[in-house]
Amino acid sequence: MPIYLTVILKSKPESVETLKSLLLDLVQNSTKEAACLQYDLHQSLEESTIFIFHEVWENEAGLKLHNEQSYLISFFENAKLLFQEAPIVYKTDKLA
């Protein structure tokens, strides 16, 4: 059963470009994973400090494996000082 995630990240204003670069690297690595069905990164047009991921994972096991990847763990270690606030993660059901 597919797992749908929406992840909202808010950068400190002075860290937007640095965080954006790290997020683009995250996209490159994540889309190589076998269980990754979709991994789209968006940046708000109204508020450039806000980034949004729309992710679809093949199943819970695939998402669990993703969350254990060294590059993802390293990202959160390196990016934590760039965030204005803690990331928000929504796990959802697709209705339509």
N, C-alpha and C. Protein backbone atom coordinates (compact mmCIF):
# COMPACT_ATOMS: atom_id res chain seq x y z
N MET A 1 0.84 -1.18 0.00
CA MET A 1 0.00 0.00 0.00
C MET A 1 0.89 1.25 0.00
N PRO A 2 0.69 2.16 -0.95
CA PRO A 2 1.54 3.36 -1.03
C PRO A 2 1.40 4.24 0.20
N ILE A 3 2.50 4.91 0.53
CA ILE A 3 2.54 5.86 1.64
C ILE A 3 2.73 7.25 1.03
N TYR A 4 1.84 8.18 1.38
CA TYR A 4 1.88 9.55 0.88
C TYR A 4 2.32 10.48 2.00
N LEU A 5 3.32 11.30 1.70
CA LEU A 5 3.83 12.27 2.67
C LEU A 5 3.85 13.66 2.07
N THR A 6 3.55 14.63 2.91
CA THR A 6 3.79 16.04 2.60
C THR A 6 4.66 16.55 3.74
N VAL A 7 5.80 17.11 3.38
CA VAL A 7 6.76 17.60 4.38
C VAL A 7 6.97 19.09 4.13
N ILE A 8 6.78 19.89 5.17
CA ILE A 8 6.93 21.34 5.06
C ILE A 8 8.14 21.76 5.89
N LEU A 9 9.06 22.47 5.24
CA LEU A 9 10.29 22.93 5.88
C LEU A 9 10.35 24.44 5.76
N LYS A 10 10.73 25.10 6.83
CA LYS A 10 10.86 26.56 6.80
C LYS A 10 12.30 26.92 7.16
N SER A 11 12.93 27.59 6.22
CA SER A 11 14.32 28.01 6.38
C SER A 11 14.41 29.33 7.12
N LYS A 12 15.53 29.53 7.80
CA LYS A 12 15.85 30.88 8.28
C LYS A 12 16.08 31.73 7.04
N PRO A 13 15.69 33.00 7.05
CA PRO A 13 15.83 33.84 5.85
C PRO A 13 17.24 33.87 5.26
N GLU A 14 18.24 33.89 6.11
CA GLU A 14 19.62 33.97 5.63
C GLU A 14 20.16 32.62 5.12
N SER A 15 19.37 31.56 5.28
CA SER A 15 19.83 30.22 4.92
C SER A 15 19.09 29.60 3.74
N VAL A 16 18.26 30.38 3.06
CA VAL A 16 17.41 29.84 1.99
C VAL A 16 18.22 29.12 0.92
N GLU A 17 19.22 29.75 0.38
CA GLU A 17 19.98 29.15 -0.73
C GLU A 17 20.78 27.93 -0.28
N THR A 18 21.32 27.98 0.91
CA THR A 18 22.07 26.83 1.43
C THR A 18 21.13 25.64 1.62
N LEU A 19 19.98 25.88 2.25
CA LEU A 19 19.02 24.79 2.45
C LEU A 19 18.51 24.27 1.13
N LYS A 20 18.23 25.15 0.20
CA LYS A 20 17.74 24.74 -1.12
C LYS A 20 18.73 23.79 -1.79
N SER A 21 20.00 24.10 -1.72
CA SER A 21 21.04 23.25 -2.30
C SER A 21 21.05 21.86 -1.64
N LEU A 22 20.93 21.84 -0.32
CA LEU A 22 20.91 20.56 0.40
C LEU A 22 19.66 19.75 0.05
N LEU A 23 18.53 20.44 -0.11
CA LEU A 23 17.29 19.76 -0.47
C LEU A 23 17.36 19.17 -1.87
N LEU A 24 17.97 19.89 -2.80
CA LEU A 24 18.12 19.36 -4.16
C LEU A 24 19.01 18.12 -4.17
N ASP A 25 20.03 18.09 -3.33
CA ASP A 25 20.86 16.88 -3.18
C ASP A 25 20.03 15.73 -2.62
N LEU A 26 19.15 16.06 -1.68
CA LEU A 26 18.27 15.05 -1.09
C LEU A 26 17.37 14.43 -2.16
N VAL A 27 16.87 15.26 -3.07
CA VAL A 27 16.03 14.76 -4.16
C VAL A 27 16.83 13.79 -5.03
N GLN A 28 18.04 14.14 -5.37
CA GLN A 28 18.87 13.27 -6.22
C GLN A 28 19.08 11.91 -5.57
N ASN A 29 19.36 11.89 -4.29
CA ASN A 29 19.59 10.62 -3.60
C ASN A 29 18.31 9.83 -3.40
N SER A 30 17.26 10.50 -2.98
CA SER A 30 16.01 9.81 -2.66
C SER A 30 15.36 9.17 -3.87
N THR A 31 15.42 9.84 -5.01
CA THR A 31 14.78 9.30 -6.21
C THR A 31 15.49 8.07 -6.75
N LYS A 32 16.68 7.77 -6.26
CA LYS A 32 17.39 6.56 -6.66
C LYS A 32 16.93 5.33 -5.87
N GLU A 33 16.20 5.55 -4.79
CA GLU A 33 15.75 4.43 -3.96
C GLU A 33 14.64 3.67 -4.68
N ALA A 34 14.70 2.36 -4.59
CA ALA A 34 13.73 1.50 -5.29
C ALA A 34 12.29 1.74 -4.86
N ALA A 35 12.08 2.06 -3.60
CA ALA A 35 10.72 2.24 -3.09
C ALA A 35 10.16 3.64 -3.34
N CYS A 36 10.97 4.54 -3.89
CA CYS A 36 10.53 5.91 -4.13
C CYS A 36 9.72 5.98 -5.42
N LEU A 37 8.44 6.30 -5.30
CA LEU A 37 7.57 6.43 -6.47
C LEU A 37 7.45 7.89 -6.91
N GLN A 38 7.59 8.80 -5.96
CA GLN A 38 7.52 10.24 -6.27
C GLN A 38 8.23 10.99 -5.17
N TYR A 39 8.97 12.02 -5.55
CA TYR A 39 9.71 12.81 -4.56
C TYR A 39 9.88 14.22 -5.14
N ASP A 40 8.83 15.01 -5.05
CA ASP A 40 8.81 16.34 -5.65
C ASP A 40 9.10 17.41 -4.61
N LEU A 41 9.96 18.34 -4.98
CA LEU A 41 10.31 19.46 -4.11
C LEU A 41 9.74 20.74 -4.70
N HIS A 42 9.07 21.52 -3.86
CA HIS A 42 8.50 22.80 -4.27
C HIS A 42 9.01 23.89 -3.33
N GLN A 43 9.06 25.13 -3.87
CA GLN A 43 9.39 26.29 -3.05
C GLN A 43 8.25 27.29 -3.20
N SER A 44 7.78 27.83 -2.10
CA SER A 44 6.66 28.77 -2.12
C SER A 44 7.02 30.02 -2.93
N LEU A 45 6.09 30.45 -3.76
CA LEU A 45 6.28 31.69 -4.51
C LEU A 45 6.04 32.91 -3.63
N GLU A 46 5.17 32.76 -2.64
CA GLU A 46 4.85 33.88 -1.75
C GLU A 46 5.86 34.05 -0.62
N GLU A 47 6.42 32.95 -0.17
CA GLU A 47 7.36 33.00 0.95
C GLU A 47 8.53 32.06 0.64
N SER A 48 9.60 32.62 0.13
CA SER A 48 10.72 31.82 -0.39
C SER A 48 11.40 30.94 0.66
N THR A 49 11.12 31.17 1.93
CA THR A 49 11.73 30.37 2.99
C THR A 49 11.01 29.03 3.18
N ILE A 50 9.88 28.83 2.50
CA ILE A 50 9.10 27.60 2.69
C ILE A 50 9.33 26.64 1.53
N PHE A 51 9.70 25.41 1.89
CA PHE A 51 9.89 24.32 0.93
C PHE A 51 8.91 23.21 1.27
N ILE A 52 8.39 22.56 0.25
CA ILE A 52 7.40 21.51 0.45
C ILE A 52 7.77 20.30 -0.38
N PHE A 53 7.82 19.15 0.26
CA PHE A 53 8.01 17.88 -0.44
C PHE A 53 6.66 17.19 -0.56
N HIS A 54 6.41 16.62 -1.74
CA HIS A 54 5.30 15.69 -1.94
C HIS A 54 5.97 14.36 -2.29
N GLU A 55 5.78 13.38 -1.42
CA GLU A 55 6.46 12.10 -1.57
C GLU A 55 5.44 10.96 -1.65
N VAL A 56 5.78 9.97 -2.45
CA VAL A 56 5.01 8.73 -2.48
C VAL A 56 6.02 7.59 -2.39
N TRP A 57 5.79 6.72 -1.40
CA TRP A 57 6.65 5.56 -1.17
C TRP A 57 5.85 4.30 -1.43
N GLU A 58 6.52 3.29 -1.95
CA GLU A 58 5.86 2.05 -2.33
C GLU A 58 5.10 1.41 -1.16
N ASN A 59 5.70 1.46 0.02
CA ASN A 59 5.08 0.85 1.19
C ASN A 59 5.79 1.34 2.45
N GLU A 60 5.29 0.93 3.59
CA GLU A 60 5.87 1.34 4.87
C GLU A 60 7.32 0.88 5.01
N ALA A 61 7.62 -0.32 4.52
CA ALA A 61 9.00 -0.83 4.61
C ALA A 61 9.96 0.04 3.80
N GLY A 62 9.51 0.49 2.63
CA GLY A 62 10.34 1.36 1.79
C GLY A 62 10.59 2.70 2.45
N LEU A 63 9.57 3.25 3.09
CA LEU A 63 9.72 4.53 3.81
C LEU A 63 10.66 4.35 5.00
N LYS A 64 10.51 3.25 5.71
CA LYS A 64 11.39 2.97 6.86
C LYS A 64 12.86 2.89 6.41
N LEU A 65 13.10 2.21 5.31
CA LEU A 65 14.45 2.11 4.76
C LEU A 65 14.98 3.49 4.37
N HIS A 66 14.13 4.30 3.76
CA HIS A 66 14.52 5.67 3.39
C HIS A 66 14.96 6.45 4.62
N ASN A 67 14.17 6.36 5.68
CA ASN A 67 14.47 7.12 6.90
C ASN A 67 15.75 6.65 7.59
N GLU A 68 16.24 5.48 7.22
CA GLU A 68 17.48 4.94 7.79
C GLU A 68 18.71 5.22 6.93
N GLN A 69 18.52 5.84 5.78
CA GLN A 69 19.65 6.09 4.88
C GLN A 69 20.62 7.09 5.49
N SER A 70 21.89 6.83 5.35
CA SER A 70 22.92 7.70 5.95
C SER A 70 22.85 9.11 5.38
N TYR A 71 22.52 9.26 4.09
CA TYR A 71 22.47 10.60 3.51
C TYR A 71 21.31 11.42 4.11
N LEU A 72 20.20 10.76 4.48
CA LEU A 72 19.07 11.47 5.08
C LEU A 72 19.40 11.86 6.52
N ILE A 73 20.00 10.96 7.25
CA ILE A 73 20.41 11.25 8.62
C ILE A 73 21.42 12.39 8.62
N SER A 74 22.37 12.35 7.71
CA SER A 74 23.38 13.40 7.58
C SER A 74 22.73 14.74 7.22
N PHE A 75 21.73 14.71 6.33
CA PHE A 75 21.03 15.94 5.95
C PHE A 75 20.45 16.62 7.19
N PHE A 76 19.72 15.87 8.00
CA PHE A 76 19.09 16.47 9.17
C PHE A 76 20.10 16.97 10.19
N GLU A 77 21.23 16.28 10.29
CA GLU A 77 22.30 16.75 11.18
C GLU A 77 22.86 18.08 10.69
N ASN A 78 23.10 18.18 9.37
CA ASN A 78 23.70 19.38 8.78
C ASN A 78 22.72 20.53 8.64
N ALA A 79 21.44 20.23 8.45
CA ALA A 79 20.46 21.28 8.15
C ALA A 79 19.75 21.82 9.37
N LYS A 80 19.88 21.18 10.51
CA LYS A 80 19.07 21.59 11.67
C LYS A 80 19.28 23.05 12.06
N LEU A 81 20.45 23.59 11.84
CA LEU A 81 20.70 24.99 12.17
C LEU A 81 20.15 25.95 11.10
N LEU A 82 19.73 25.40 9.96
CA LEU A 82 19.19 26.21 8.87
C LEU A 82 17.68 26.41 8.97
N PHE A 83 17.03 25.59 9.79
CA PHE A 83 15.57 25.64 9.91
C PHE A 83 15.12 26.77 10.84
N GLN A 84 14.07 27.45 10.43
CA GLN A 84 13.42 28.46 11.27
C GLN A 84 12.60 27.77 12.37
N GLU A 85 12.02 26.61 12.00
CA GLU A 85 11.21 25.83 12.93
C GLU A 85 11.32 24.36 12.53
N ALA A 86 10.85 23.50 13.38
CA ALA A 86 10.93 22.05 13.12
C ALA A 86 10.10 21.69 11.88
N PRO A 87 10.60 20.76 11.07
CA PRO A 87 9.84 20.31 9.90
C PRO A 87 8.49 19.71 10.32
N ILE A 88 7.51 19.90 9.47
CA ILE A 88 6.17 19.33 9.69
C ILE A 88 5.97 18.21 8.67
N VAL A 89 5.57 17.04 9.15
CA VAL A 89 5.36 15.88 8.27
C VAL A 89 3.92 15.43 8.40
N TYR A 90 3.24 15.35 7.24
CA TYR A 90 1.88 14.83 7.19
C TYR A 90 1.90 13.52 6.43
N LYS A 91 1.41 12.46 7.04
CA LYS A 91 1.21 11.19 6.37
C LYS A 91 -0.27 11.12 6.04
N THR A 92 -0.61 10.91 4.75
CA THR A 92 -2.01 11.04 4.34
C THR A 92 -2.47 9.84 3.53
N ASP A 93 -3.78 9.76 3.36
CA ASP A 93 -4.41 8.84 2.42
C ASP A 93 -4.81 9.64 1.20
N LYS A 94 -4.59 9.08 0.03
CA LYS A 94 -5.02 9.73 -1.21
C LYS A 94 -6.50 9.45 -1.40
N LEU A 95 -7.29 10.51 -1.50
CA LEU A 95 -8.74 10.37 -1.64
C LEU A 95 -9.19 10.40 -3.09
N ALA A 96 -8.49 11.14 -3.92
CA ALA A 96 -8.88 11.24 -5.34
C ALA A 96 -7.67 11.50 -6.20
